[in-house]
């Protein structure tokens, strides 16, 4: 009946036909206790979660699709009269995925099944990129943050231990915290209201013993530490810039998600996380490029995420031979470590040095000096040789070579080399890293290297598909763990969609020419895009 109603098949039917399902119940044995009441087949909610993110369905819509859609029953191997399950089963299953890196295990199991089918191979070529993810929370001002944190703690306490609020909450508290906080752009008496909210929060936390504090109360405690302090007289007052405030990477932005952080990259500002997507990029355009790893992290530097990506790919036996990355992921130390630990060649531009000459692109940079590691000396462009060679622990792993003032003072190019009265100092990496850095910068000028690195830009299309096609820019849930589960399920859905489109019996046909283009063809006039001709 499924074949009769869908002659060309659907993506859900493709999973059953080509992969015989992505998972078996035996794959989830360690996730459930041995005793207790028998439940549903764990492979079924796992597949439904993937199809849910493939089609951008809610939990209720996904549960309804299991009951009503014949292709869903085909993919899950259900009878036509099977009533399915309640939509809350999906919520419970995602909560189970949040524990012990089970979401990554789910991706590994799906990739293992695809690898057995010959769709994913090891030691190929892969590429990675990152993008921002917005937390499921409003942007709050400082006053709104404290007020909402107090209200959230009152809601939590009223549910856990309402007796604690007796004698503390009165009519004024009901007016201030009875409803969710919604303040205008310019609230009245903001400083006075902030001090009052801080005093209310301080009194509430004193009433709550540590063993009865829930996640909302713990968030309120951290918010109080970050935004208030006790002065010398023991009075509570808001922190100012002189008192010191935590940086954006540490500051809590909402009481409902303690993992979300405020970040800035260039001109982009957001509150949330970062997601790093890694996919294959073979030379054959006819093959799909499955996603092999997804990492959801706090807004940190991309270089901090790369070792974890390689560790997970090594556990899945999917390490690439070449890994194409942009400059945000690369450093000389990572180039060396990846070759040494995983035999992975990182392809990408290494950032230039942070010296004044490199930033201004004028004068003599470090590359203009000749370094002799055997003689432990450095020669400047005018032939002067350094007399001091140091390896200070404070600057490890860099080595410092210094010239003497009598060498630099009479030099006619002193203004292009150094400023002030001090002589020139050259800092450089140890010999293996220095040679690796020099080779990388030399390769960047090669035409073949540029052609190879140009294939990295394809991952930006994957990021666009990830964000726009599957609505992954904004998190559906609170917390980085549940957000990571959302990204993993989205990545598996994209893999299924790509592989299904490449193995279908009806391949994609190119767009037919328009009437005007046919008119140009009959007259022998070319209509190629001018921007593709480099004009």
Protein backbone atom coordinates (compact mmCIF):
# COMPACT_ATOMS: atom_id res chain seq x y z
CA UNK A 1 0.00 0.00 0.00
CA UNK A 2 2.88 2.38 0.72
CA UNK A 3 4.38 1.68 -2.70
CA UNK A 4 1.02 2.10 -4.40
CA UNK A 5 0.38 5.48 -2.79
CA UNK A 6 4.02 6.66 -3.18
CA UNK A 7 5.42 5.20 -6.42
CA UNK A 8 8.60 7.28 -6.19
CA UNK A 9 8.96 6.69 -2.47
CA UNK A 10 9.70 9.19 0.30
CA UNK A 11 12.74 9.92 2.42
CA UNK A 12 11.27 7.89 5.29
CA UNK A 13 10.76 4.90 3.00
CA UNK A 14 14.31 5.25 1.66
CA UNK A 15 15.74 4.64 5.15
CA UNK A 16 13.94 1.30 5.40
CA UNK A 17 14.80 0.26 1.82
CA UNK A 18 18.51 1.14 1.71
CA UNK A 19 19.64 0.99 5.35
CA UNK A 20 17.05 -1.38 6.83
CA UNK A 21 16.47 1.26 9.47
CA UNK A 22 19.22 3.23 11.16
CA UNK A 23 19.13 1.46 14.51
CA UNK A 24 18.13 -1.78 16.19
CA UNK A 25 16.83 -2.26 19.71
CA UNK A 26 20.12 -3.96 20.64
CA UNK A 27 21.92 -0.64 20.08
CA UNK A 28 20.09 0.86 23.07
CA UNK A 29 20.48 -1.96 25.58
CA UNK A 30 22.84 0.01 27.85
CA UNK A 31 20.45 2.97 27.94
CA UNK A 32 17.67 1.20 29.83
CA UNK A 33 17.52 -0.83 33.08
CA UNK A 34 17.07 -4.57 32.90
CA UNK A 35 14.07 -4.67 35.24
CA UNK A 36 10.84 -2.70 35.12
CA UNK A 37 7.79 -2.56 32.91
CA UNK A 38 8.46 -3.23 29.21
CA UNK A 39 8.31 -0.08 27.13
CA UNK A 40 8.31 0.89 23.49
CA UNK A 41 11.00 -0.15 21.08
CA UNK A 42 13.75 2.50 21.54
CA UNK A 43 14.64 2.37 17.86
CA UNK A 44 11.18 3.71 16.99
CA UNK A 45 11.31 7.02 18.90
CA UNK A 46 14.89 7.47 17.68
CA UNK A 47 13.75 7.22 14.06
CA UNK A 48 10.70 9.41 14.73
CA UNK A 49 12.91 12.12 16.26
CA UNK A 50 15.07 12.17 13.13
CA UNK A 51 12.04 12.35 10.82
CA UNK A 52 10.62 15.05 13.07
CA UNK A 53 13.63 17.29 12.52
CA UNK A 54 13.78 16.33 8.86
CA UNK A 55 10.26 17.71 8.31
CA UNK A 56 10.40 20.42 11.04
CA UNK A 57 7.51 18.91 13.01
CA UNK A 58 6.51 19.48 16.61
CA UNK A 59 6.13 16.56 19.03
CA UNK A 60 2.37 16.45 18.56
CA UNK A 61 2.69 16.60 14.77
CA UNK A 62 5.31 13.83 14.77
CA UNK A 63 3.15 11.57 16.95
CA UNK A 64 0.20 12.25 14.65
CA UNK A 65 2.32 11.40 11.61
CA UNK A 66 3.15 8.02 13.16
CA UNK A 67 -0.56 7.31 13.54
CA UNK A 68 -1.70 8.63 10.16
CA UNK A 69 1.12 8.65 7.59
CA UNK A 70 1.71 5.41 5.77
CA UNK A 71 5.35 6.19 4.93
CA UNK A 72 6.11 6.66 8.64
CA UNK A 73 4.57 3.25 9.37
CA UNK A 74 6.65 1.82 6.50
CA UNK A 75 9.86 3.29 7.93
CA UNK A 76 9.07 2.04 11.45
CA UNK A 77 7.84 -1.39 10.28
CA UNK A 78 4.44 -0.88 11.95
CA UNK A 79 1.10 -2.40 11.09
CA UNK A 80 -1.48 -0.16 9.46
CA UNK A 81 -3.72 -0.31 12.53
CA UNK A 82 -0.91 0.53 14.97
CA UNK A 83 -2.07 3.52 17.13
CA UNK A 84 1.49 4.82 17.69
CA UNK A 85 2.38 6.45 20.99
CA UNK A 86 1.78 9.59 23.02
CA UNK A 87 3.79 12.66 22.03
CA UNK A 88 5.40 12.89 25.50
CA UNK A 89 7.42 9.77 24.63
CA UNK A 90 9.59 11.93 22.37
CA UNK A 91 10.33 14.35 25.21
CA UNK A 92 11.36 11.49 27.50
CA UNK A 93 13.58 10.00 24.80
CA UNK A 94 15.37 13.31 24.17
CA UNK A 95 15.96 13.66 27.92
CA UNK A 96 17.58 10.24 27.81
CA UNK A 97 19.74 11.37 24.89
CA UNK A 98 21.13 14.22 27.00
CA UNK A 99 22.91 11.80 29.32
CA UNK A 100 26.47 10.44 28.89
CA UNK A 101 27.06 11.75 25.35
CA UNK A 102 24.32 9.48 24.00
CA UNK A 103 23.48 11.96 21.25
CA UNK A 104 26.99 11.52 19.84
CA UNK A 105 26.57 7.76 20.14
CA UNK A 106 23.38 8.03 18.11
CA UNK A 107 25.24 9.86 15.34
CA UNK A 108 28.04 7.27 15.50
CA UNK A 109 25.56 4.41 15.11
CA UNK A 110 23.93 6.04 12.08
CA UNK A 111 27.33 6.70 10.47
CA UNK A 112 28.35 3.11 11.14
CA UNK A 113 25.27 1.89 9.29
CA UNK A 114 26.00 4.28 6.41
CA UNK A 115 29.62 3.18 6.38
CA UNK A 116 28.58 -0.47 6.14
CA UNK A 117 26.46 0.49 3.11
CA UNK A 118 29.51 2.11 1.46
CA UNK A 119 28.26 5.69 1.79
CA UNK A 120 30.98 6.98 4.15
CA UNK A 121 34.70 6.17 4.03
CA UNK A 122 37.73 6.93 6.19
CA UNK A 123 40.83 8.90 5.25
CA UNK A 124 39.08 11.05 2.71
CA UNK A 125 38.76 14.80 2.77
CA UNK A 126 36.56 16.75 5.19
CA UNK A 127 35.78 20.36 6.02
CA UNK A 128 34.41 22.20 9.04
CA UNK A 129 32.81 25.52 9.88
CA UNK A 130 30.91 27.09 12.78
CA UNK A 131 27.99 29.44 13.23
CA UNK A 132 26.10 31.04 16.07
CA UNK A 133 23.03 29.58 17.75
CA UNK A 134 20.57 31.78 19.62
CA UNK A 135 19.37 30.60 23.01
CA UNK A 136 15.63 30.17 23.62
CA UNK A 137 15.47 33.30 25.78
CA UNK A 138 14.74 37.00 25.53
CA UNK A 139 17.50 39.59 25.68
CA UNK A 140 17.19 41.03 29.18
CA UNK A 141 18.58 44.19 30.65
CA UNK A 142 20.32 44.06 34.00
CA UNK A 143 17.17 45.08 35.87
CA UNK A 144 15.00 42.62 33.95
CA UNK A 145 17.50 39.82 34.59
CA UNK A 146 17.43 40.27 38.38
CA UNK A 147 13.65 40.70 38.53
CA UNK A 148 12.99 37.65 36.36
CA UNK A 149 15.51 35.57 38.33
CA UNK A 150 13.69 36.40 41.58
CA UNK A 151 10.32 35.58 40.02
CA UNK A 152 11.62 32.27 38.63
CA UNK A 153 13.00 31.34 42.06
CA UNK A 154 9.66 32.20 43.70
CA UNK A 155 7.85 29.95 41.21
CA UNK A 156 10.28 27.12 41.90
CA UNK A 157 10.06 27.55 45.68
CA UNK A 158 6.26 27.70 45.60
CA UNK A 159 6.30 24.32 43.88
CA UNK A 160 8.98 22.65 46.03
CA UNK A 161 8.53 24.12 49.53
CA UNK A 162 5.80 26.79 49.71
CA UNK A 163 6.08 27.04 53.52
CA UNK A 164 9.40 28.86 53.13
CA UNK A 165 7.65 31.84 51.54
CA UNK A 166 5.30 32.36 54.49
CA UNK A 167 6.18 35.59 56.26
CA UNK A 168 8.35 36.81 53.39
CA UNK A 169 5.98 37.37 50.48
CA UNK A 170 3.46 40.16 50.93
CA UNK A 171 1.30 42.36 48.72
CA UNK A 172 4.30 44.33 47.42
CA UNK A 173 6.05 41.11 46.38
CA UNK A 174 2.90 40.02 44.61
CA UNK A 175 2.88 43.30 42.67
CA UNK A 176 6.54 43.08 41.70
CA UNK A 177 6.79 39.37 40.86
CA UNK A 178 3.24 38.18 40.22
CA UNK A 179 3.66 38.40 36.43
CA UNK A 180 6.53 37.84 34.00
CA UNK A 181 8.79 40.87 33.74
CA UNK A 182 8.05 43.18 30.82
CA UNK A 183 9.68 46.60 31.16
CA UNK A 184 9.70 49.50 28.69
CA UNK A 185 12.90 50.72 27.10
CA UNK A 186 13.17 53.45 29.73
CA UNK A 187 11.72 52.19 33.03
CA UNK A 188 11.08 54.58 35.89
CA UNK A 189 13.58 54.68 38.76
CA UNK A 190 15.80 51.86 37.44
CA UNK A 191 18.52 52.23 40.10
CA UNK A 192 16.05 52.18 42.99
CA UNK A 193 14.22 49.17 41.55
CA UNK A 194 17.51 47.33 41.00
CA UNK A 195 18.51 47.86 44.63
CA UNK A 196 15.07 46.70 45.77
CA UNK A 197 15.27 43.57 43.60
CA UNK A 198 18.74 42.83 44.97
CA UNK A 199 17.47 43.16 48.54
CA UNK A 200 14.54 40.84 47.75
CA UNK A 201 16.85 38.28 46.17
CA UNK A 202 19.24 38.43 49.13
CA UNK A 203 16.42 37.86 51.62
CA UNK A 204 15.00 35.01 49.54
CA UNK A 205 18.34 33.21 49.29
CA UNK A 206 18.87 33.50 53.04
CA UNK A 207 15.56 31.74 53.58
CA UNK A 208 16.42 28.92 51.20
CA UNK A 209 18.76 26.30 52.69
CA UNK A 210 21.39 25.00 50.23
CA UNK A 211 19.88 21.49 50.07
CA UNK A 212 16.50 22.91 48.96
CA UNK A 213 17.79 25.15 46.18
CA UNK A 214 16.81 24.11 42.71
CA UNK A 215 18.32 25.21 39.36
CA UNK A 216 16.44 28.53 39.39
CA UNK A 217 17.66 29.36 42.91
CA UNK A 218 21.21 28.44 41.93
CA UNK A 219 20.95 30.70 38.89
CA UNK A 220 19.74 33.51 41.15
CA UNK A 221 22.71 32.99 43.47
CA UNK A 222 25.16 33.26 40.57
CA UNK A 223 23.39 36.32 39.19
CA UNK A 224 23.64 38.00 42.58
CA UNK A 225 27.38 37.30 42.78
CA UNK A 226 27.90 38.72 39.28
CA UNK A 227 25.78 41.86 39.72
CA UNK A 228 25.91 42.78 43.45
CA UNK A 229 28.42 43.01 46.27
CA UNK A 230 28.55 43.83 49.97
CA UNK A 231 30.47 47.02 50.76
CA UNK A 232 32.66 47.62 53.83
CA UNK A 233 29.59 48.46 55.91
CA UNK A 234 27.82 45.25 54.95
CA UNK A 235 25.31 46.93 52.65
CA UNK A 236 24.26 45.31 49.39
CA UNK A 237 24.73 47.46 46.28
CA UNK A 238 24.95 46.89 42.50
CA UNK A 239 28.36 46.36 40.97
CA UNK A 240 29.91 49.09 38.83
CA UNK A 241 32.70 48.98 36.28
CA UNK A 242 35.18 50.01 38.98
CA UNK A 243 34.13 47.04 41.11
CA UNK A 244 34.74 44.62 38.27
CA UNK A 245 32.16 42.66 36.31
CA UNK A 246 32.47 39.19 34.77
CA UNK A 247 33.22 38.88 31.08
CA UNK A 248 30.60 37.85 28.58
CA UNK A 249 31.91 34.27 28.48
CA UNK A 250 31.06 33.89 32.19
CA UNK A 251 28.02 36.12 32.61
CA UNK A 252 24.59 34.50 32.95
CA UNK A 253 22.11 36.12 30.57
CA UNK A 254 18.89 34.35 31.61
CA UNK A 255 17.80 32.43 34.73
CA UNK A 256 16.29 29.69 32.56
CA UNK A 257 19.49 28.71 30.75
CA UNK A 258 22.73 28.92 32.71
CA UNK A 259 24.72 27.59 29.73
CA UNK A 260 23.87 30.48 27.37
CA UNK A 261 26.53 33.17 27.07
CA UNK A 262 26.79 36.55 25.40
CA UNK A 263 29.30 36.62 22.55
CA UNK A 264 30.72 39.03 19.99
CA UNK A 265 32.32 38.15 16.66
CA UNK A 266 33.07 41.11 14.51
CA UNK A 267 29.84 43.07 14.23
CA UNK A 268 27.65 40.13 15.28
CA UNK A 269 26.36 39.96 18.85
CA UNK A 270 24.21 37.18 20.25
CA UNK A 271 23.36 35.22 23.38
CA UNK A 272 23.62 31.47 23.02
CA UNK A 273 26.13 28.95 21.73
CA UNK A 274 28.29 27.90 18.79
CA UNK A 275 27.75 24.83 16.61
CA UNK A 276 30.62 23.26 14.63
CA UNK A 277 29.64 21.15 11.62
CA UNK A 278 32.04 18.72 9.89
CA UNK A 279 31.26 16.97 6.60
CA UNK A 280 33.03 15.03 3.88
CA UNK A 281 34.00 16.75 0.64
CA UNK A 282 34.97 14.21 -1.99
CA UNK A 283 36.23 15.06 -5.44
CA UNK A 284 33.22 13.37 -7.05
CA UNK A 285 30.33 15.84 -7.21
CA UNK A 286 27.85 13.01 -7.78
CA UNK A 287 28.40 11.67 -4.27
CA UNK A 288 26.68 13.09 -1.21
CA UNK A 289 28.68 14.73 1.56
CA UNK A 290 27.42 13.27 4.85
CA UNK A 291 27.91 15.17 8.10
CA UNK A 292 30.40 13.26 10.26
CA UNK A 293 30.50 15.37 13.43
CA UNK A 294 28.51 18.09 15.18
CA UNK A 295 29.74 19.91 18.28
CA UNK A 296 27.68 22.41 20.29
CA UNK A 297 29.89 24.53 22.53
CA UNK A 298 29.91 27.78 24.41
CA UNK A 299 31.01 30.81 22.36
CA UNK A 300 34.76 30.16 22.54
CA UNK A 301 37.55 30.19 19.98
CA UNK A 302 37.26 27.68 17.16
CA UNK A 303 40.75 26.37 17.92
CA UNK A 304 39.44 24.95 21.21
CA UNK A 305 36.86 22.81 19.38
CA UNK A 306 39.22 21.20 16.84
CA UNK A 307 40.90 18.61 19.16
CA UNK A 308 37.49 17.33 20.26
CA UNK A 309 36.37 17.00 16.64
CA UNK A 310 39.39 14.84 15.79
CA UNK A 311 38.93 12.72 18.92
CA UNK A 312 35.33 11.89 18.03
CA UNK A 313 36.20 11.22 14.39
CA UNK A 314 38.98 8.88 15.52
CA UNK A 315 36.53 6.96 17.73
CA UNK A 316 34.19 6.60 14.72
CA UNK A 317 37.12 5.55 12.47
CA UNK A 318 36.30 8.44 10.16
CA UNK A 319 39.43 10.57 10.45
CA UNK A 320 40.16 12.47 7.23
CA UNK A 321 43.44 12.59 5.40
CA UNK A 322 43.01 16.31 4.77
CA UNK A 323 40.89 18.64 6.89
CA UNK A 324 39.94 21.96 5.28
CA UNK A 325 39.43 24.80 7.77
CA UNK A 326 39.33 28.57 7.87
CA UNK A 327 41.84 30.66 9.78
CA UNK A 328 39.79 30.67 12.98
CA UNK A 329 40.47 26.97 13.55
CA UNK A 330 44.18 26.96 12.77
CA UNK A 331 47.36 27.53 14.71
CA UNK A 332 50.85 26.20 14.20
CA UNK A 333 50.57 24.05 17.31
CA UNK A 334 47.38 22.43 15.99
CA UNK A 335 49.00 21.79 12.61
CA UNK A 336 51.78 19.90 14.34
CA UNK A 337 49.53 18.09 16.83
CA UNK A 338 47.10 16.87 14.18
CA UNK A 339 49.90 15.40 12.08
CA UNK A 340 51.55 13.82 15.11
CA UNK A 341 48.48 12.36 16.87
CA UNK A 342 46.02 11.62 14.05
CA UNK A 343 48.02 11.91 10.80
CA UNK A 344 45.56 14.57 9.64
CA UNK A 345 46.82 17.36 7.40
CA UNK A 346 45.12 20.66 8.20
CA UNK A 347 44.61 22.83 5.12
CA UNK A 348 43.97 26.50 5.77
CA UNK A 349 45.63 29.88 6.25
CA UNK A 350 47.62 30.36 9.44
CA UNK A 351 47.18 33.80 10.92
CA UNK A 352 50.01 36.27 10.55
CA UNK A 353 52.02 37.39 13.57
CA UNK A 354 50.63 40.00 15.92
CA UNK A 355 53.64 42.30 15.72
CA UNK A 356 53.23 45.91 14.70
CA UNK A 357 55.00 45.38 11.38
CA UNK A 358 52.66 42.55 10.42
CA UNK A 359 49.53 44.50 11.34
CA UNK A 360 50.62 47.68 9.54
CA UNK A 361 52.19 45.69 6.64
CA UNK A 362 55.20 47.98 6.70
CA UNK A 363 58.75 47.56 7.91
CA UNK A 364 60.67 44.38 8.62
CA UNK A 365 58.54 41.50 9.88
CA UNK A 366 59.80 38.32 11.50
CA UNK A 367 59.87 36.56 8.13
CA UNK A 368 62.50 39.04 6.92
CA UNK A 369 65.00 37.72 9.49
CA UNK A 370 67.11 34.62 8.86
CA UNK A 371 67.09 32.13 11.76
CA UNK A 372 69.99 29.70 12.25
CA UNK A 373 68.87 27.13 14.82
CA UNK A 374 72.21 25.30 14.76
CA UNK A 375 74.27 28.40 15.57
CA UNK A 376 71.47 29.81 17.79
CA UNK A 377 71.49 33.23 16.18
CA UNK A 378 69.32 35.46 13.99
CA UNK A 379 70.48 37.64 11.11
CA UNK A 380 68.63 40.85 10.23
CA UNK A 381 68.04 42.06 6.64
CA UNK A 382 71.12 44.34 6.89
CA UNK A 383 73.44 41.53 7.95
CA UNK A 384 73.66 42.13 11.70
CA UNK A 385 73.71 39.01 13.89
CA UNK A 386 71.95 38.70 17.26
CA UNK A 387 74.01 38.08 20.40
CA UNK A 388 71.27 36.92 22.81
CA UNK A 389 69.26 33.68 22.48
CA UNK A 390 66.73 33.02 25.25
CA UNK A 391 64.00 30.48 25.93
CA UNK A 392 62.13 32.08 28.85
CA UNK A 393 59.48 29.84 30.50
CA UNK A 394 57.02 32.75 30.58
CA UNK A 395 57.01 32.87 26.75
CA UNK A 396 57.06 29.13 26.10
CA UNK A 397 57.20 27.69 23.50
CA UNK A 398 58.62 30.84 21.85
CA UNK A 399 62.31 31.59 21.62
CA UNK A 400 63.58 35.18 21.98
CA UNK A 401 66.51 36.59 20.02
CA UNK A 402 67.74 40.10 20.83
CA UNK A 403 70.05 42.53 19.13
CA UNK A 404 72.20 45.01 21.00
CA UNK A 405 71.69 48.79 20.92
CA UNK A 406 75.03 49.47 19.23
CA UNK A 407 73.81 47.33 16.32
CA UNK A 408 70.43 49.04 15.87
CA UNK A 409 71.28 52.69 16.67
CA UNK A 410 73.38 53.45 13.56
CA UNK A 411 71.15 51.36 11.24
CA UNK A 412 69.60 53.51 8.47
CA UNK A 413 66.43 51.32 8.51
CA UNK A 414 65.85 51.58 12.24
CA UNK A 415 62.48 53.34 11.85
CA UNK A 416 61.21 50.46 9.69
CA UNK A 417 62.43 47.89 12.20
CA UNK A 418 61.84 49.12 15.76
CA UNK A 419 60.70 52.14 17.72
CA UNK A 420 61.97 53.82 20.84
CA UNK A 421 65.43 53.40 22.31
CA UNK A 422 65.34 49.61 22.68
CA UNK A 423 66.98 47.30 20.16
CA UNK A 424 65.03 44.87 17.99
CA UNK A 425 63.67 41.66 19.54
CA UNK A 426 62.52 38.70 17.43
CA UNK A 427 60.20 36.01 18.85
CA UNK A 428 59.74 32.70 16.99
CA UNK A 429 58.60 29.13 17.55
CA UNK A 430 60.82 26.06 17.98
CA UNK A 431 62.41 24.62 14.88
CA UNK A 432 59.76 21.99 13.95
CA UNK A 433 56.90 24.45 14.40
CA UNK A 434 58.78 27.27 12.68
CA UNK A 435 59.47 25.15 9.62
CA UNK A 436 55.88 23.96 9.54
CA UNK A 437 54.65 27.55 9.70
CA UNK A 438 56.99 28.65 6.92
CA UNK A 439 55.92 25.73 4.72
CA UNK A 440 52.26 26.55 5.29
CA UNK A 441 52.72 30.17 4.26
CA UNK A 442 54.68 29.10 1.19
CA UNK A 443 51.95 26.66 0.16
CA UNK A 444 49.34 29.42 0.36
CA UNK A 445 50.93 31.07 -2.67
CA UNK A 446 50.64 27.93 -4.79
CA UNK A 447 47.81 27.72 -7.32
CA UNK A 448 47.08 24.07 -6.51
CA UNK A 449 46.78 24.88 -2.82
CA UNK A 450 44.32 27.69 -3.60
CA UNK A 451 42.27 25.36 -5.78
CA UNK A 452 42.19 22.76 -3.00
CA UNK A 453 41.27 25.28 -0.33
CA UNK A 454 38.46 26.65 -2.51
CA UNK A 455 36.50 23.44 -1.85
CA UNK A 456 36.21 24.46 1.82
CA UNK A 457 33.58 27.06 0.90
CA UNK A 458 31.08 24.26 0.26
CA UNK A 459 30.59 23.80 3.99
CA UNK A 460 29.01 27.25 4.11
CA UNK A 461 26.16 25.84 2.05
CA UNK A 462 25.77 23.11 4.65
CA UNK A 463 25.63 25.74 7.37
CA UNK A 464 22.94 27.55 5.37
CA UNK A 465 20.97 24.31 4.99
CA UNK A 466 21.44 23.56 8.68
CA UNK A 467 20.23 26.98 9.79
CA UNK A 468 17.64 28.01 7.22
CA UNK A 469 16.38 24.67 5.95
CA UNK A 470 15.94 23.08 9.37
CA UNK A 471 15.50 26.10 11.65
CA UNK A 472 18.57 25.38 13.78
CA UNK A 473 19.58 29.01 14.29
CA UNK A 474 17.42 29.27 17.40
CA UNK A 475 17.44 26.53 19.99
CA UNK A 476 14.15 24.80 20.72
CA UNK A 477 15.17 23.95 24.26
CA UNK A 478 16.90 25.36 27.34
CA UNK A 479 20.45 24.24 28.04
CA UNK A 480 23.42 23.30 25.89
CA UNK A 481 22.80 19.54 26.25
CA UNK A 482 19.30 19.61 24.79
CA UNK A 483 20.45 22.04 22.12
CA UNK A 484 23.19 19.58 21.18
CA UNK A 485 20.57 16.84 20.88
CA UNK A 486 18.61 19.09 18.52
CA UNK A 487 21.73 19.62 16.38
CA UNK A 488 22.61 15.92 16.29
CA UNK A 489 19.12 14.92 15.18
CA UNK A 490 19.17 17.70 12.57
CA UNK A 491 22.53 16.48 11.26
CA UNK A 492 21.27 12.89 10.93
CA UNK A 493 18.18 14.19 9.13
CA UNK A 494 20.35 16.14 6.67
CA UNK A 495 22.45 13.01 6.00
CA UNK A 496 19.34 10.99 5.22
CA UNK A 497 17.97 13.73 2.99
CA UNK A 498 21.23 14.03 1.04
CA UNK A 499 21.79 10.32 0.59
CA UNK A 500 18.16 9.76 -0.42
CA UNK A 501 18.33 12.49 -3.06
CA UNK A 502 21.54 11.05 -4.56
CA UNK A 503 20.34 7.45 -4.77
CA UNK A 504 16.82 8.13 -6.06
CA UNK A 505 15.74 6.69 -9.40
CA UNK A 506 14.71 10.12 -10.64
CA UNK A 507 17.80 12.33 -10.51
CA UNK A 508 17.59 16.09 -10.49
CA UNK A 509 17.26 17.66 -13.93
CA UNK A 510 18.87 20.98 -14.81
CA UNK A 511 16.63 23.99 -15.12
CA UNK A 512 15.21 24.47 -18.60
CA UNK A 513 16.16 27.71 -20.40
CA UNK A 514 13.69 30.57 -20.30
CA UNK A 515 11.96 31.95 -23.37
CA UNK A 516 14.41 34.85 -23.61
CA UNK A 517 17.37 32.49 -23.30
CA UNK A 518 15.98 30.35 -26.11
CA UNK A 519 15.63 33.53 -28.17
CA UNK A 520 19.31 34.31 -27.52
CA UNK A 521 20.30 30.77 -28.49
CA UNK A 522 18.49 31.00 -31.84
CA UNK A 523 20.39 34.24 -32.60
CA UNK A 524 23.73 32.78 -31.56
CA UNK A 525 24.12 35.24 -28.65
CA UNK A 526 25.88 34.14 -25.48
CA UNK A 527 24.16 34.70 -22.14
CA UNK A 528 26.74 33.51 -19.62
CA UNK A 529 26.84 35.31 -16.29
CA UNK A 530 29.28 38.20 -16.40
CA UNK A 531 30.35 37.70 -12.75
CA UNK A 532 31.46 34.12 -13.53
CA UNK A 533 33.81 35.41 -16.24
CA UNK A 534 35.82 37.48 -13.75
CA UNK A 535 34.88 40.84 -15.31
